[in-house]
Amino acid sequence: MEKEPVIEAKGVTKTYAEGEVKVHALHPVDLTIGRGEFTAIAGPSGSGKTTLLNIISGLDVPSAGRVRLAGRDMSAMSQAELSDFRRDHIGFIFQAYNLIPVLTVEENVEYVLLLRGVGAGERASRVARMLDEVGLGGKRGRFPSQLSGGQQQRVAIARAMVSEPDIILADEPTANLDSATGGALMDMMRELNERRGMTFLFSTHDRMIMDKSARLVTLKDGRVGSDLLK
């Protein structure tokens, strides 16, 4: 049965001007991601994958084409609407973790729920449950500086998922981790994906992420090269 589309990119292009030279970061890209998919967009540095992720998230705007996310046309929203939409519908995982250093593990994960106005009791139960799921239930009072890189990325994953967004966008999430830690995190995310049905979309040039994804889309010089279900 065909899955409900959660991301629809149609004819998306991106062109940058560097002086009098135009750089075509993305040529017309068509991509549909169904709800609950576990997909990697793979390609070498400069292939356009981070640009595509930024456009899908509304952090950047396409030069042409349209993106619909969770049924909403991203180009029809104001900056304030986009900001609220990202808060409510998208979870982000970054290669540099992007944790707030002065907040504890628990407070970092709770932060997005605070922004959404979730009540204290509900926040506490959801954060506790999420930290248990990523294996950090015993470290909720620690600060990021007291954690390993793999543990910090687990906090970032918990923060991305705690609000149960429509999609998790992960930009090179294993780039700063050793292969064993990165592999364990990918296995954990795949398990959470299967259990919770959340949609994951990665950008990567890591072969391990490509191997562990359920669908692999390749980009080369801003063009989709292949799109394989595994």
Protein backbone atom coordinates (compact mmCIF):
# COMPACT_ATOMS: atom_id res chain seq x y z
CA MET A 1 0.00 0.00 0.00
CA GLU A 2 1.35 3.42 -0.94
CA LYS A 3 2.28 5.56 2.05
CA GLU A 4 0.81 8.98 2.67
CA PRO A 5 3.34 11.57 1.43
CA VAL A 6 4.85 13.72 4.18
CA ILE A 7 7.40 15.47 1.92
CA GLU A 8 6.76 16.45 -1.69
CA ALA A 9 9.42 18.38 -3.61
CA LYS A 10 8.50 19.28 -7.19
CA GLY A 11 10.94 20.84 -9.65
CA VAL A 12 13.11 22.25 -6.85
CA THR A 13 16.16 24.19 -8.02
CA LYS A 14 18.68 26.38 -6.21
CA THR A 15 21.04 28.84 -7.87
CA TYR A 16 23.55 31.04 -6.05
CA ALA A 17 25.27 34.08 -7.47
CA GLU A 18 29.00 34.37 -6.75
CA GLY A 19 29.89 37.70 -8.29
CA GLU A 20 28.92 37.40 -11.94
CA VAL A 21 29.04 33.60 -11.82
CA LYS A 22 25.91 31.54 -11.17
CA VAL A 23 26.36 28.31 -9.21
CA HIS A 24 23.63 25.71 -9.73
CA ALA A 25 23.48 23.85 -6.40
CA LEU A 26 20.30 21.98 -7.33
CA HIS A 27 18.89 21.22 -10.75
CA PRO A 28 15.17 20.36 -10.90
CA VAL A 29 14.65 17.78 -8.14
CA ASP A 30 11.46 15.76 -7.66
CA LEU A 31 11.26 13.78 -4.43
CA THR A 32 8.39 12.29 -2.44
CA ILE A 33 8.90 10.79 1.02
CA GLY A 34 6.10 8.72 2.54
CA ARG A 35 5.12 8.82 6.19
CA GLY A 36 7.25 6.45 8.27
CA GLU A 37 10.06 6.07 5.73
CA PHE A 38 13.72 5.79 6.78
CA THR A 39 15.53 7.46 3.90
CA ALA A 40 19.08 8.63 3.23
CA ILE A 41 20.03 11.26 0.66
CA ALA A 42 23.62 10.39 -0.21
CA GLY A 43 26.30 12.10 -2.21
CA PRO A 44 29.78 13.61 -1.98
CA SER A 45 30.47 17.06 -0.54
CA GLY A 46 29.02 19.70 -2.86
CA SER A 47 26.38 17.37 -4.32
CA GLY A 48 23.51 19.52 -3.01
CA LYS A 49 22.19 17.26 -0.25
CA THR A 50 22.44 19.79 2.60
CA THR A 51 20.92 22.46 0.33
CA LEU A 52 17.99 20.14 -0.38
CA LEU A 53 17.52 19.39 3.33
CA ASN A 54 17.56 23.11 4.13
CA ILE A 55 14.92 23.79 1.47
CA ILE A 56 12.73 20.92 2.68
CA SER A 57 12.89 22.33 6.22
CA GLY A 58 12.14 25.89 5.13
CA LEU A 59 15.54 27.14 6.33
CA ASP A 60 16.27 28.09 2.71
CA VAL A 61 14.00 28.89 -0.22
CA PRO A 62 14.22 27.32 -3.68
CA SER A 63 15.01 29.40 -6.74
CA ALA A 64 12.18 27.53 -8.45
CA GLY A 65 9.83 24.69 -7.62
CA ARG A 66 7.71 23.96 -4.55
CA VAL A 67 7.89 21.93 -1.36
CA ARG A 68 4.92 20.61 0.58
CA LEU A 69 5.54 19.22 4.05
CA ALA A 70 2.81 17.51 6.05
CA GLY A 71 0.32 18.83 3.50
CA ARG A 72 1.42 22.48 3.78
CA ASP A 73 2.95 24.55 0.99
CA MET A 74 6.19 25.92 2.48
CA SER A 75 6.38 28.78 -0.03
CA ALA A 76 2.98 30.12 1.05
CA MET A 77 4.10 30.74 4.65
CA SER A 78 5.55 33.89 6.20
CA GLN A 79 8.82 33.66 8.14
CA ALA A 80 6.88 33.64 11.43
CA GLU A 81 4.61 30.86 10.15
CA LEU A 82 7.63 28.86 8.96
CA SER A 83 9.27 29.21 12.36
CA ASP A 84 6.15 27.94 14.13
CA PHE A 85 5.71 25.16 11.56
CA ARG A 86 9.28 23.92 12.06
CA ARG A 87 8.80 23.96 15.83
CA ASP A 88 5.62 21.89 15.60
CA HIS A 89 6.35 19.51 12.71
CA ILE A 90 10.12 19.01 12.26
CA GLY A 91 12.79 17.56 14.53
CA PHE A 92 16.42 18.38 13.70
CA ILE A 93 19.55 16.33 14.37
CA PHE A 94 22.85 18.07 13.56
CA GLN A 95 26.36 16.65 13.21
CA ALA A 96 27.60 19.12 15.85
CA TYR A 97 24.77 18.09 18.27
CA ASN A 98 23.81 21.78 18.94
CA LEU A 99 22.96 21.16 22.58
CA ILE A 100 22.66 24.13 24.95
CA PRO A 101 25.73 23.79 27.21
CA VAL A 102 24.24 25.47 30.30
CA LEU A 103 21.20 23.17 30.31
CA THR A 104 21.12 19.62 31.65
CA VAL A 105 20.27 16.61 29.51
CA GLU A 106 16.70 16.74 30.77
CA GLU A 107 16.40 20.50 30.15
CA ASN A 108 17.83 20.22 26.61
CA VAL A 109 15.22 17.62 25.68
CA GLU A 110 12.45 19.53 27.45
CA TYR A 111 13.22 22.81 25.70
CA VAL A 112 11.19 22.18 22.54
CA LEU A 113 8.16 21.19 24.65
CA LEU A 114 8.50 24.46 26.58
CA LEU A 115 8.43 26.34 23.29
CA ARG A 116 5.25 24.51 22.35
CA GLY A 117 3.56 25.36 25.65
CA VAL A 118 3.23 21.77 26.89
CA GLY A 119 2.28 21.61 30.58
CA ALA A 120 4.84 20.71 33.25
CA GLY A 121 3.44 17.27 34.08
CA GLU A 122 3.20 16.22 30.45
CA ARG A 123 6.70 17.59 29.75
CA ALA A 124 8.20 15.60 32.60
CA SER A 125 6.60 12.31 31.58
CA ARG A 126 7.45 12.67 27.89
CA VAL A 127 11.07 13.66 28.57
CA ALA A 128 11.55 10.79 31.03
CA ARG A 129 10.07 8.29 28.59
CA MET A 130 12.18 9.57 25.69
CA LEU A 131 15.43 9.54 27.68
CA ASP A 132 14.73 5.97 28.76
CA GLU A 133 14.17 5.01 25.12
CA VAL A 134 17.58 6.37 24.08
CA GLY A 135 19.33 4.82 27.09
CA LEU A 136 20.02 8.03 29.03
CA GLY A 137 17.49 7.77 31.83
CA GLY A 138 20.28 7.75 34.40
CA LYS A 139 22.01 10.85 33.03
CA ARG A 140 19.21 13.39 32.98
CA GLY A 141 21.00 15.73 35.43
CA ARG A 142 24.30 15.76 33.51
CA PHE A 143 25.48 18.65 31.36
CA PRO A 144 26.59 18.14 27.70
CA SER A 145 30.26 18.63 28.67
CA GLN A 146 29.97 15.60 30.96
CA LEU A 147 28.87 13.29 28.13
CA SER A 148 30.66 11.48 25.33
CA GLY A 149 29.99 12.44 21.71
CA GLY A 150 27.70 9.45 21.26
CA GLN A 151 25.75 10.33 24.39
CA GLN A 152 25.38 13.95 23.25
CA GLN A 153 23.98 12.75 19.94
CA ARG A 154 21.52 10.54 21.83
CA VAL A 155 20.34 13.66 23.67
CA ALA A 156 19.95 15.41 20.30
CA ILE A 157 17.91 12.47 18.98
CA ALA A 158 15.70 12.51 22.08
CA ARG A 159 15.20 16.27 21.70
CA ALA A 160 14.25 15.85 18.03
CA MET A 161 11.73 13.10 18.77
CA VAL A 162 10.16 14.15 22.08
CA SER A 163 7.57 16.41 20.42
CA GLU A 164 6.59 13.60 18.02
CA PRO A 165 7.07 15.68 14.86
CA ASP A 166 6.01 14.61 11.38
CA ILE A 167 9.61 14.25 10.25
CA ILE A 168 13.13 14.03 11.66
CA LEU A 169 15.77 15.71 9.47
CA ALA A 170 19.34 14.60 10.21
CA ASP A 171 22.29 16.32 8.52
CA GLU A 172 25.41 14.09 8.66
CA PRO A 173 24.44 12.82 12.15
CA THR A 174 27.41 10.44 12.51
CA ALA A 175 30.12 12.72 11.10
CA ASN A 176 31.74 13.39 14.51
CA LEU A 177 31.40 9.85 15.84
CA ASP A 178 33.49 6.69 15.54
CA SER A 179 32.02 3.94 13.37
CA ALA A 180 30.88 1.71 16.26
CA THR A 181 29.06 4.57 18.03
CA GLY A 182 27.55 5.81 14.78
CA GLY A 183 26.34 2.33 13.88
CA ALA A 184 24.75 1.85 17.28
CA LEU A 185 22.93 5.18 16.97
CA MET A 186 21.64 4.32 13.50
CA ASP A 187 20.33 0.99 14.81
CA MET A 188 18.61 2.83 17.64
CA MET A 189 17.02 5.35 15.26
CA ARG A 190 15.83 2.54 12.97
CA GLU A 191 14.26 0.78 15.95
CA LEU A 192 12.54 3.99 17.06
CA ASN A 193 11.38 4.57 13.49
CA GLU A 194 9.81 1.12 13.32
CA ARG A 195 8.24 1.34 16.77
CA ARG A 196 6.93 4.93 16.58
CA GLY A 197 6.40 5.29 12.82
CA MET A 198 8.27 8.60 12.61
CA THR A 199 9.73 9.64 9.27
CA PHE A 200 13.52 10.00 9.11
CA LEU A 201 15.43 11.75 6.33
CA PHE A 202 19.24 11.82 6.47
CA SER A 203 21.83 13.63 4.39
CA THR A 204 25.11 11.73 4.36
CA HIS A 205 28.22 10.54 2.60
CA ASP A 206 28.71 7.82 5.25
CA ARG A 207 28.50 4.35 3.71
CA MET A 208 27.23 2.90 7.00
CA ILE A 209 24.15 5.19 6.96
CA MET A 210 23.53 4.27 3.33
CA ASP A 211 23.67 0.56 4.21
CA LYS A 212 21.31 0.93 7.17
CA SER A 213 18.72 3.08 5.40
CA ALA A 214 15.54 1.51 4.00
CA ARG A 215 15.60 3.81 0.97
CA LEU A 216 18.61 5.43 -0.66
CA VAL A 217 18.40 8.51 -2.88
CA THR A 218 21.68 9.62 -4.47
CA LEU A 219 22.55 13.15 -5.50
CA LYS A 220 25.39 14.11 -7.80
CA ASP A 221 26.05 17.66 -9.00
CA GLY A 222 22.62 18.72 -7.81
CA ARG A 223 20.72 15.97 -9.67
CA VAL A 224 19.01 12.81 -8.44
CA GLY A 225 21.03 9.88 -9.71
CA SER A 226 19.16 6.88 -8.29
CA ASP A 227 16.32 6.12 -5.89
CA LEU A 228 16.38 2.63 -4.43
CA LEU A 229 14.18 0.81 -1.93
CA LYS A 230 16.15 -1.85 -0.07
